[in-house]
Amino acid sequence: MGKSVWVIDNSHSLAEFSVKHMMIATVKGRFTQVEGRIEVDPEDITGAVFEGSVAVASINTADSARDDHLRSADFFDAENHPTLTFKSTKVERDGDGYKMTGDMTIRGVTKPVTFDLEFEGTGKDPWGNERIGFSATAKINRKDFGLTWNAALETGGVLVGEQVKIELHLEATKQS
């Protein structure tokens, strides 16, 4: 089939995260503005290149005060760092799935991150457009990216956990 360019469809894609709150509960959030492109041959995912970004201002945790705090300099510093980005450097087979390694940039700090990647398949929509789907998960330590704000709890521990789980669900439309 050969390598083609696919553009991420924001209305059918999702970038979510989850983190422990007070060490006893999990808070989830999402970025509602996801964009990017994928260069891939659906017959050989190992040659794929994923590039994407999310707009920090689009963060939504279902609590506007928390969202404003996350946009502030305490966390993502959206004014100075308006996007989070990822560009893959390698995709390799791993059992029934794949490992996708690349450079993630958050708050101006770039670090390598490896996602567990699943190829969900391809298909044609009712208008004749070719579509492709992927899902991916990774865990990062937010402190590695300069997201160090926290508050100590009287009972011991901290308000916000350090480990962040990232989940991506991507649908893209073939361009060429």
N, C-alpha and C. Protein backbone atom coordinates (compact mmCIF):
# COMPACT_ATOMS: atom_id res chain seq x y z
N MET A 1 0.82 -1.20 0.00
CA MET A 1 0.00 0.00 0.00
C MET A 1 0.86 1.26 0.00
N GLY A 2 1.95 1.26 0.75
CA GLY A 2 2.85 2.42 0.79
C GLY A 2 2.47 3.41 1.87
N LYS A 3 3.45 4.23 2.23
CA LYS A 3 3.25 5.22 3.28
C LYS A 3 2.40 6.37 2.77
N SER A 4 1.44 6.80 3.59
CA SER A 4 0.56 7.92 3.26
C SER A 4 0.52 8.88 4.44
N VAL A 5 0.04 10.09 4.16
CA VAL A 5 -0.14 11.11 5.20
C VAL A 5 -1.61 11.10 5.62
N TRP A 6 -1.82 11.07 6.92
CA TRP A 6 -3.15 11.06 7.52
C TRP A 6 -3.20 12.23 8.50
N VAL A 7 -4.27 13.03 8.46
CA VAL A 7 -4.41 14.17 9.36
C VAL A 7 -5.38 13.81 10.48
N ILE A 8 -4.97 14.08 11.71
CA ILE A 8 -5.80 13.76 12.87
C ILE A 8 -7.10 14.56 12.84
N ASP A 9 -8.20 13.86 13.04
CA ASP A 9 -9.54 14.44 13.07
C ASP A 9 -9.87 14.76 14.52
N ASN A 10 -9.81 16.05 14.88
CA ASN A 10 -10.03 16.47 16.26
C ASN A 10 -11.39 16.02 16.80
N SER A 11 -12.42 16.03 15.97
CA SER A 11 -13.76 15.69 16.46
C SER A 11 -13.93 14.20 16.75
N HIS A 12 -12.98 13.38 16.32
CA HIS A 12 -13.04 11.94 16.59
C HIS A 12 -11.78 11.45 17.30
N SER A 13 -11.06 12.37 17.94
CA SER A 13 -9.84 12.01 18.65
C SER A 13 -9.90 12.54 20.07
N LEU A 14 -9.08 11.95 20.94
CA LEU A 14 -9.13 12.30 22.34
C LEU A 14 -7.74 12.18 22.96
N ALA A 15 -7.34 13.20 23.74
CA ALA A 15 -6.10 13.15 24.52
C ALA A 15 -6.51 13.34 25.98
N GLU A 16 -6.41 12.27 26.76
CA GLU A 16 -6.85 12.27 28.15
C GLU A 16 -5.67 12.03 29.08
N PHE A 17 -5.84 12.45 30.33
CA PHE A 17 -4.85 12.14 31.35
C PHE A 17 -5.56 11.85 32.65
N SER A 18 -4.88 11.14 33.54
CA SER A 18 -5.41 10.90 34.88
C SER A 18 -4.27 10.96 35.87
N VAL A 19 -4.60 11.44 37.08
CA VAL A 19 -3.60 11.62 38.14
C VAL A 19 -4.29 11.42 39.48
N LYS A 20 -3.56 10.94 40.45
CA LYS A 20 -4.10 10.74 41.79
C LYS A 20 -4.31 12.08 42.49
N HIS A 21 -5.43 12.19 43.20
CA HIS A 21 -5.74 13.37 44.01
C HIS A 21 -5.81 12.93 45.46
N MET A 22 -5.05 13.60 46.30
CA MET A 22 -4.98 13.32 47.73
C MET A 22 -4.58 11.86 48.03
N MET A 23 -3.98 11.21 47.04
CA MET A 23 -3.49 9.84 47.16
C MET A 23 -4.61 8.82 47.32
N ILE A 24 -5.88 9.25 47.18
CA ILE A 24 -7.00 8.32 47.39
C ILE A 24 -7.99 8.27 46.23
N ALA A 25 -7.92 9.21 45.33
CA ALA A 25 -8.88 9.25 44.23
C ALA A 25 -8.15 9.58 42.93
N THR A 26 -8.80 9.34 41.82
CA THR A 26 -8.23 9.65 40.51
C THR A 26 -9.03 10.76 39.86
N VAL A 27 -8.33 11.76 39.36
CA VAL A 27 -8.95 12.85 38.60
C VAL A 27 -8.55 12.68 37.14
N LYS A 28 -9.54 12.80 36.26
CA LYS A 28 -9.28 12.71 34.82
C LYS A 28 -9.50 14.05 34.18
N GLY A 29 -8.80 14.26 33.10
CA GLY A 29 -8.99 15.47 32.31
C GLY A 29 -8.69 15.15 30.87
N ARG A 30 -8.98 16.13 30.03
CA ARG A 30 -8.72 15.96 28.61
C ARG A 30 -8.37 17.29 27.99
N PHE A 31 -7.73 17.20 26.86
CA PHE A 31 -7.47 18.37 26.03
C PHE A 31 -8.41 18.25 24.84
N THR A 32 -9.22 19.28 24.61
CA THR A 32 -10.24 19.18 23.57
C THR A 32 -9.76 19.62 22.20
N GLN A 33 -8.56 20.18 22.11
CA GLN A 33 -8.00 20.58 20.81
C GLN A 33 -6.75 19.74 20.52
N VAL A 34 -6.95 18.72 19.70
CA VAL A 34 -5.89 17.79 19.33
C VAL A 34 -5.66 17.93 17.83
N GLU A 35 -4.41 18.09 17.43
CA GLU A 35 -4.12 18.14 16.00
C GLU A 35 -2.80 17.44 15.72
N GLY A 36 -2.62 17.08 14.46
CA GLY A 36 -1.37 16.43 14.08
C GLY A 36 -1.53 15.63 12.81
N ARG A 37 -0.48 14.87 12.54
CA ARG A 37 -0.47 14.06 11.32
C ARG A 37 0.29 12.77 11.60
N ILE A 38 -0.03 11.79 10.78
CA ILE A 38 0.60 10.48 10.88
C ILE A 38 1.05 10.10 9.47
N GLU A 39 2.30 9.70 9.35
CA GLU A 39 2.79 9.12 8.10
C GLU A 39 2.91 7.63 8.35
N VAL A 40 2.10 6.85 7.65
CA VAL A 40 2.09 5.42 7.94
C VAL A 40 1.61 4.62 6.74
N ASP A 41 2.15 3.43 6.63
CA ASP A 41 1.65 2.41 5.73
C ASP A 41 0.86 1.45 6.61
N PRO A 42 -0.46 1.35 6.45
CA PRO A 42 -1.24 0.46 7.31
C PRO A 42 -0.79 -0.99 7.26
N GLU A 43 -0.01 -1.36 6.25
CA GLU A 43 0.51 -2.73 6.15
C GLU A 43 1.79 -2.90 6.97
N ASP A 44 2.43 -1.79 7.38
CA ASP A 44 3.68 -1.86 8.15
C ASP A 44 3.75 -0.67 9.11
N ILE A 45 3.15 -0.83 10.26
CA ILE A 45 3.07 0.25 11.25
C ILE A 45 4.45 0.65 11.76
N THR A 46 5.43 -0.26 11.70
CA THR A 46 6.75 0.02 12.26
C THR A 46 7.45 1.19 11.58
N GLY A 47 7.05 1.56 10.41
CA GLY A 47 7.66 2.71 9.74
C GLY A 47 6.94 4.02 9.99
N ALA A 48 5.96 4.02 10.87
CA ALA A 48 5.11 5.20 11.08
C ALA A 48 5.84 6.34 11.78
N VAL A 49 5.39 7.56 11.48
CA VAL A 49 5.84 8.76 12.18
C VAL A 49 4.59 9.50 12.65
N PHE A 50 4.50 9.71 13.95
CA PHE A 50 3.38 10.41 14.57
C PHE A 50 3.86 11.78 15.02
N GLU A 51 3.12 12.83 14.68
CA GLU A 51 3.39 14.18 15.16
C GLU A 51 2.07 14.77 15.63
N GLY A 52 2.06 15.32 16.83
CA GLY A 52 0.82 15.90 17.31
C GLY A 52 1.03 16.94 18.37
N SER A 53 -0.03 17.70 18.60
CA SER A 53 0.01 18.70 19.66
C SER A 53 -1.38 18.89 20.23
N VAL A 54 -1.42 19.38 21.44
CA VAL A 54 -2.68 19.76 22.08
C VAL A 54 -2.52 21.18 22.59
N ALA A 55 -3.62 21.92 22.54
CA ALA A 55 -3.63 23.29 23.05
C ALA A 55 -3.87 23.25 24.55
N VAL A 56 -2.93 23.79 25.33
CA VAL A 56 -3.05 23.78 26.79
C VAL A 56 -4.34 24.48 27.23
N ALA A 57 -4.71 25.56 26.54
CA ALA A 57 -5.92 26.30 26.92
C ALA A 57 -7.18 25.44 26.82
N SER A 58 -7.12 24.34 26.07
CA SER A 58 -8.29 23.49 25.89
C SER A 58 -8.47 22.46 27.00
N ILE A 59 -7.68 22.53 28.06
CA ILE A 59 -7.78 21.55 29.14
C ILE A 59 -9.17 21.61 29.78
N ASN A 60 -9.70 20.41 30.07
CA ASN A 60 -11.02 20.32 30.69
C ASN A 60 -11.03 19.17 31.67
N THR A 61 -11.18 19.51 32.96
CA THR A 61 -11.27 18.50 34.02
C THR A 61 -12.65 18.52 34.68
N ALA A 62 -13.59 19.23 34.07
CA ALA A 62 -14.95 19.39 34.60
C ALA A 62 -14.99 20.25 35.86
N ASP A 63 -13.96 21.06 36.06
CA ASP A 63 -13.92 22.00 37.19
C ASP A 63 -13.16 23.24 36.70
N SER A 64 -13.88 24.33 36.45
CA SER A 64 -13.25 25.50 35.83
C SER A 64 -12.16 26.12 36.68
N ALA A 65 -12.32 26.10 38.01
CA ALA A 65 -11.26 26.65 38.88
C ALA A 65 -9.99 25.81 38.77
N ARG A 66 -10.14 24.48 38.76
CA ARG A 66 -8.98 23.60 38.62
C ARG A 66 -8.35 23.80 37.23
N ASP A 67 -9.19 23.92 36.19
CA ASP A 67 -8.66 24.13 34.83
C ASP A 67 -7.84 25.42 34.77
N ASP A 68 -8.34 26.49 35.37
CA ASP A 68 -7.59 27.75 35.41
C ASP A 68 -6.26 27.58 36.13
N HIS A 69 -6.27 26.82 37.25
CA HIS A 69 -5.02 26.58 37.98
C HIS A 69 -4.03 25.78 37.12
N LEU A 70 -4.54 24.78 36.41
CA LEU A 70 -3.67 23.97 35.54
C LEU A 70 -3.08 24.79 34.40
N ARG A 71 -3.80 25.78 33.92
CA ARG A 71 -3.29 26.67 32.86
C ARG A 71 -2.26 27.66 33.38
N SER A 72 -2.26 27.89 34.68
CA SER A 72 -1.40 28.91 35.29
C SER A 72 0.07 28.48 35.33
N ALA A 73 0.91 29.41 35.77
CA ALA A 73 2.35 29.14 35.88
C ALA A 73 2.66 28.06 36.91
N ASP A 74 1.73 27.75 37.83
CA ASP A 74 1.94 26.66 38.78
C ASP A 74 2.08 25.31 38.07
N PHE A 75 1.39 25.18 36.94
CA PHE A 75 1.41 23.90 36.20
C PHE A 75 1.90 24.09 34.77
N PHE A 76 0.98 24.16 33.80
CA PHE A 76 1.37 24.16 32.39
C PHE A 76 1.88 25.50 31.87
N ASP A 77 1.58 26.59 32.54
CA ASP A 77 2.02 27.93 32.12
C ASP A 77 1.63 28.17 30.65
N ALA A 78 0.31 28.10 30.40
CA ALA A 78 -0.23 28.21 29.04
C ALA A 78 0.16 29.50 28.34
N GLU A 79 0.33 30.56 29.10
CA GLU A 79 0.69 31.84 28.48
C GLU A 79 2.04 31.75 27.77
N ASN A 80 3.00 31.09 28.39
CA ASN A 80 4.34 30.97 27.82
C ASN A 80 4.56 29.68 27.05
N HIS A 81 3.74 28.67 27.31
CA HIS A 81 3.87 27.36 26.66
C HIS A 81 2.49 26.89 26.22
N PRO A 82 1.97 27.45 25.13
CA PRO A 82 0.57 27.19 24.75
C PRO A 82 0.27 25.79 24.22
N THR A 83 1.29 25.00 23.87
CA THR A 83 1.02 23.66 23.35
C THR A 83 1.91 22.61 24.03
N LEU A 84 1.39 21.39 24.06
CA LEU A 84 2.16 20.20 24.41
C LEU A 84 2.36 19.47 23.09
N THR A 85 3.56 18.98 22.83
CA THR A 85 3.81 18.33 21.55
C THR A 85 4.44 16.95 21.73
N PHE A 86 4.29 16.14 20.70
CA PHE A 86 4.92 14.82 20.65
C PHE A 86 5.29 14.53 19.21
N LYS A 87 6.49 14.00 19.02
CA LYS A 87 6.91 13.51 17.70
C LYS A 87 7.64 12.18 17.90
N SER A 88 7.13 11.16 17.23
CA SER A 88 7.74 9.84 17.40
C SER A 88 9.11 9.78 16.73
N THR A 89 9.97 8.95 17.31
CA THR A 89 11.29 8.69 16.74
C THR A 89 11.44 7.23 16.33
N LYS A 90 10.53 6.37 16.85
CA LYS A 90 10.63 4.94 16.55
C LYS A 90 9.30 4.27 16.89
N VAL A 91 8.86 3.38 16.01
CA VAL A 91 7.71 2.52 16.27
C VAL A 91 8.18 1.10 16.00
N GLU A 92 8.04 0.24 17.01
CA GLU A 92 8.48 -1.15 16.84
C GLU A 92 7.43 -2.11 17.36
N ARG A 93 7.42 -3.31 16.78
CA ARG A 93 6.46 -4.33 17.18
C ARG A 93 6.77 -4.78 18.60
N ASP A 94 5.69 -5.06 19.36
CA ASP A 94 5.81 -5.54 20.73
C ASP A 94 4.65 -6.51 20.98
N GLY A 95 4.89 -7.80 20.77
CA GLY A 95 3.82 -8.78 20.92
C GLY A 95 2.73 -8.52 19.89
N ASP A 96 1.48 -8.39 20.37
CA ASP A 96 0.36 -8.12 19.46
C ASP A 96 0.23 -6.65 19.13
N GLY A 97 0.98 -5.79 19.82
CA GLY A 97 0.88 -4.35 19.61
C GLY A 97 2.21 -3.76 19.19
N TYR A 98 2.40 -2.51 19.57
CA TYR A 98 3.60 -1.77 19.19
C TYR A 98 4.05 -0.90 20.36
N LYS A 99 5.29 -0.51 20.31
CA LYS A 99 5.85 0.51 21.21
C LYS A 99 6.19 1.71 20.33
N MET A 100 5.72 2.87 20.75
CA MET A 100 6.01 4.11 20.02
C MET A 100 6.80 5.02 20.96
N THR A 101 8.03 5.29 20.59
CA THR A 101 8.91 6.15 21.38
C THR A 101 9.07 7.47 20.64
N GLY A 102 9.13 8.55 21.41
CA GLY A 102 9.30 9.85 20.78
C GLY A 102 9.60 10.92 21.79
N ASP A 103 9.68 12.14 21.31
CA ASP A 103 10.00 13.29 22.14
C ASP A 103 8.72 14.04 22.49
N MET A 104 8.45 14.12 23.80
CA MET A 104 7.31 14.87 24.29
C MET A 104 7.82 16.17 24.90
N THR A 105 7.16 17.27 24.56
CA THR A 105 7.53 18.57 25.12
C THR A 105 6.35 19.13 25.89
N ILE A 106 6.59 19.37 27.16
CA ILE A 106 5.61 19.97 28.06
C ILE A 106 6.31 21.11 28.79
N ARG A 107 5.71 22.28 28.74
CA ARG A 107 6.25 23.44 29.45
C ARG A 107 7.69 23.74 29.05
N GLY A 108 8.00 23.50 27.77
CA GLY A 108 9.34 23.79 27.25
C GLY A 108 10.38 22.74 27.55
N VAL A 109 10.00 21.66 28.22
CA VAL A 109 10.93 20.57 28.55
C VAL A 109 10.63 19.39 27.64
N THR A 110 11.66 18.89 26.96
CA THR A 110 11.50 17.76 26.05
C THR A 110 12.17 16.53 26.65
N LYS A 111 11.41 15.44 26.70
CA LYS A 111 11.91 14.16 27.24
C LYS A 111 11.40 13.03 26.36
N PRO A 112 12.15 11.92 26.32
CA PRO A 112 11.64 10.75 25.59
C PRO A 112 10.51 10.08 26.37
N VAL A 113 9.49 9.66 25.67
CA VAL A 113 8.35 8.95 26.26
C VAL A 113 8.02 7.78 25.34
N THR A 114 7.70 6.63 25.95
CA THR A 114 7.29 5.46 25.18
C THR A 114 5.84 5.13 25.48
N PHE A 115 5.05 5.01 24.42
CA PHE A 115 3.64 4.64 24.50
C PHE A 115 3.47 3.19 24.09
N ASP A 116 2.51 2.51 24.72
CA ASP A 116 2.00 1.26 24.19
C ASP A 116 1.00 1.67 23.12
N LEU A 117 1.20 1.20 21.89
CA LEU A 117 0.41 1.64 20.74
C LEU A 117 -0.38 0.47 20.17
N GLU A 118 -1.65 0.73 19.89
CA GLU A 118 -2.50 -0.26 19.23
C GLU A 118 -3.01 0.31 17.92
N PHE A 119 -2.88 -0.47 16.87
CA PHE A 119 -3.44 -0.13 15.57
C PHE A 119 -4.88 -0.64 15.57
N GLU A 120 -5.84 0.28 15.43
CA GLU A 120 -7.26 -0.09 15.51
C GLU A 120 -7.86 -0.46 14.17
N GLY A 121 -7.17 -0.11 13.06
CA GLY A 121 -7.66 -0.50 11.75
C GLY A 121 -7.93 0.69 10.84
N THR A 122 -8.45 0.37 9.65
CA THR A 122 -8.78 1.38 8.66
C THR A 122 -10.20 1.13 8.16
N GLY A 123 -10.77 2.15 7.53
CA GLY A 123 -12.10 2.00 6.95
C GLY A 123 -12.47 3.25 6.17
N LYS A 124 -13.57 3.13 5.41
CA LYS A 124 -14.08 4.28 4.64
C LYS A 124 -15.32 4.80 5.35
N ASP A 125 -15.39 6.13 5.48
CA ASP A 125 -16.58 6.72 6.06
C ASP A 125 -17.66 6.83 4.97
N PRO A 126 -18.90 7.23 5.32
CA PRO A 126 -19.98 7.29 4.32
C PRO A 126 -19.73 8.26 3.17
N TRP A 127 -18.76 9.15 3.29
CA TRP A 127 -18.45 10.13 2.25
C TRP A 127 -17.25 9.73 1.40
N GLY A 128 -16.75 8.51 1.63
CA GLY A 128 -15.66 7.98 0.82
C GLY A 128 -14.26 8.30 1.31
N ASN A 129 -14.14 8.94 2.47
CA ASN A 129 -12.82 9.25 3.03
C ASN A 129 -12.24 8.02 3.72
N GLU A 130 -10.94 7.79 3.48
CA GLU A 130 -10.26 6.70 4.19
C GLU A 130 -9.86 7.18 5.57
N ARG A 131 -10.12 6.35 6.58
CA ARG A 131 -9.82 6.67 7.97
C ARG A 131 -8.93 5.60 8.57
N ILE A 132 -8.15 6.01 9.59
CA ILE A 132 -7.29 5.08 10.30
C ILE A 132 -7.39 5.40 11.79
N GLY A 133 -7.26 4.38 12.63
CA GLY A 133 -7.38 4.59 14.07
C GLY A 133 -6.25 3.96 14.85
N PHE A 134 -5.84 4.67 15.91
CA PHE A 134 -4.82 4.19 16.83
C PHE A 134 -5.22 4.56 18.25
N SER A 135 -4.79 3.77 19.21
CA SER A 135 -4.89 4.17 20.61
C SER A 135 -3.52 3.94 21.25
N ALA A 136 -3.22 4.76 22.26
CA ALA A 136 -1.89 4.69 22.88
C ALA A 136 -1.99 5.09 24.34
N THR A 137 -1.17 4.46 25.18
CA THR A 137 -1.11 4.82 26.60
C THR A 137 0.34 4.91 27.04
N ALA A 138 0.58 5.81 27.98
CA ALA A 138 1.91 5.96 28.56
C ALA A 138 1.76 6.50 29.97
N LYS A 139 2.81 6.36 30.76
CA LYS A 139 2.87 6.97 32.08
C LYS A 139 4.11 7.85 32.13
N ILE A 140 3.94 9.04 32.68
CA ILE A 140 5.07 9.95 32.86
C ILE A 140 5.07 10.45 34.29
N ASN A 141 6.22 10.96 34.71
CA ASN A 141 6.30 11.67 35.99
C ASN A 141 6.24 13.16 35.64
N ARG A 142 5.22 13.84 36.13
CA ARG A 142 5.01 15.24 35.77
C ARG A 142 6.19 16.12 36.19
N LYS A 143 6.89 15.74 37.25
CA LYS A 143 8.04 16.54 37.71
C LYS A 143 9.17 16.55 36.69
N ASP A 144 9.27 15.50 35.88
CA ASP A 144 10.30 15.45 34.83
C ASP A 144 10.12 16.57 33.82
N PHE A 145 8.90 17.11 33.74
CA PHE A 145 8.58 18.16 32.77
C PHE A 145 8.38 19.53 33.44
N GLY A 146 8.86 19.68 34.67
CA GLY A 146 8.78 20.96 35.35
C GLY A 146 7.44 21.26 35.99
N LEU A 147 6.55 20.26 36.07
CA LEU A 147 5.25 20.44 36.72
C LEU A 147 5.40 20.01 38.18
N THR A 148 5.94 20.90 38.98
CA THR A 148 6.35 20.52 40.34
C THR A 148 5.43 21.00 41.45
N TRP A 149 4.44 21.84 41.13
CA TRP A 149 3.57 22.38 42.18
C TRP A 149 2.88 21.25 42.94
N ASN A 150 2.76 21.42 44.25
CA ASN A 150 2.04 20.47 45.08
C ASN A 150 1.72 21.11 46.41
N ALA A 151 0.94 20.42 47.20
CA ALA A 151 0.62 20.86 48.55
C ALA A 151 0.64 19.64 49.47
N ALA A 152 1.27 19.79 50.61
CA ALA A 152 1.34 18.71 51.58
C ALA A 152 -0.01 18.56 52.29
N LEU A 153 -0.35 17.33 52.65
CA LEU A 153 -1.59 17.05 53.37
C LEU A 153 -1.28 16.87 54.85
N GLU A 154 -2.18 17.29 55.69
CA GLU A 154 -1.99 17.13 57.14
C GLU A 154 -1.79 15.68 57.52
N THR A 155 -2.45 14.78 56.82
CA THR A 155 -2.37 13.35 57.12
C THR A 155 -1.15 12.68 56.50
N GLY A 156 -0.29 13.46 55.87
CA GLY A 156 0.87 12.92 55.17
C GLY A 156 0.54 12.77 53.71
N GLY A 157 1.53 12.73 52.88
CA GLY A 157 1.30 12.63 51.45
C GLY A 157 1.12 14.00 50.81
N VAL A 158 0.66 13.99 49.57
CA VAL A 158 0.54 15.23 48.81
C VAL A 158 -0.81 15.30 48.11
N LEU A 159 -1.17 16.50 47.70
CA LEU A 159 -2.46 16.74 47.05
C LEU A 159 -2.52 16.13 45.66
N VAL A 160 -1.44 16.29 44.87
CA VAL A 160 -1.44 15.84 43.48
C VAL A 160 -0.34 14.80 43.28
N GLY A 161 -0.69 13.64 42.73
CA GLY A 161 0.28 12.59 42.47
C GLY A 161 1.29 13.00 41.41
N GLU A 162 2.44 12.33 41.41
CA GLU A 162 3.49 12.63 40.42
C GLU A 162 3.29 11.85 39.13
N GLN A 163 2.77 10.63 39.22
CA GLN A 163 2.58 9.80 38.04
C GLN A 163 1.32 10.21 37.29
N VAL A 164 1.45 10.42 35.99
CA VAL A 164 0.33 10.81 35.15
C VAL A 164 0.18 9.77 34.05
N LYS A 165 -1.04 9.25 33.92
CA LYS A 165 -1.33 8.31 32.84
C LYS A 165 -1.91 9.11 31.68
N ILE A 166 -1.39 8.87 30.49
CA ILE A 166 -1.84 9.55 29.28
C ILE A 166 -2.50 8.51 28.38
N GLU A 167 -3.68 8.86 27.86
CA GLU A 167 -4.39 7.99 26.92
C GLU A 167 -4.71 8.79 25.67
N LEU A 168 -4.38 8.23 24.52
CA LEU A 168 -4.69 8.86 23.25
C LEU A 168 -5.58 7.92 22.43
N HIS A 169 -6.61 8.49 21.84
CA HIS A 169 -7.46 7.76 20.91
C HIS A 169 -7.52 8.63 19.67
N LEU A 170 -6.89 8.16 18.61
CA LEU A 170 -6.71 8.98 17.42
C LEU A 170 -7.41 8.38 16.20
N GLU A 171 -8.14 9.24 15.49
CA GLU A 171 -8.68 8.89 14.19
C GLU A 171 -8.17 9.92 13.21
N ALA A 172 -7.69 9.45 12.09
CA ALA A 172 -7.12 10.36 11.11
C ALA A 172 -7.68 10.06 9.72
N THR A 173 -7.69 11.08 8.88
CA THR A 173 -8.20 10.98 7.52
C THR A 173 -7.04 11.02 6.53
N LYS A 174 -7.08 10.13 5.56
CA LYS A 174 -6.00 10.04 4.57
C LYS A 174 -6.00 11.29 3.69
N GLN A 175 -4.79 11.85 3.51
CA GLN A 175 -4.61 13.04 2.67
C GLN A 175 -3.94 12.70 1.35
N SER A 176 -2.97 11.80 1.39
CA SER A 176 -2.25 11.44 0.16
C SER A 176 -1.70 10.04 0.26
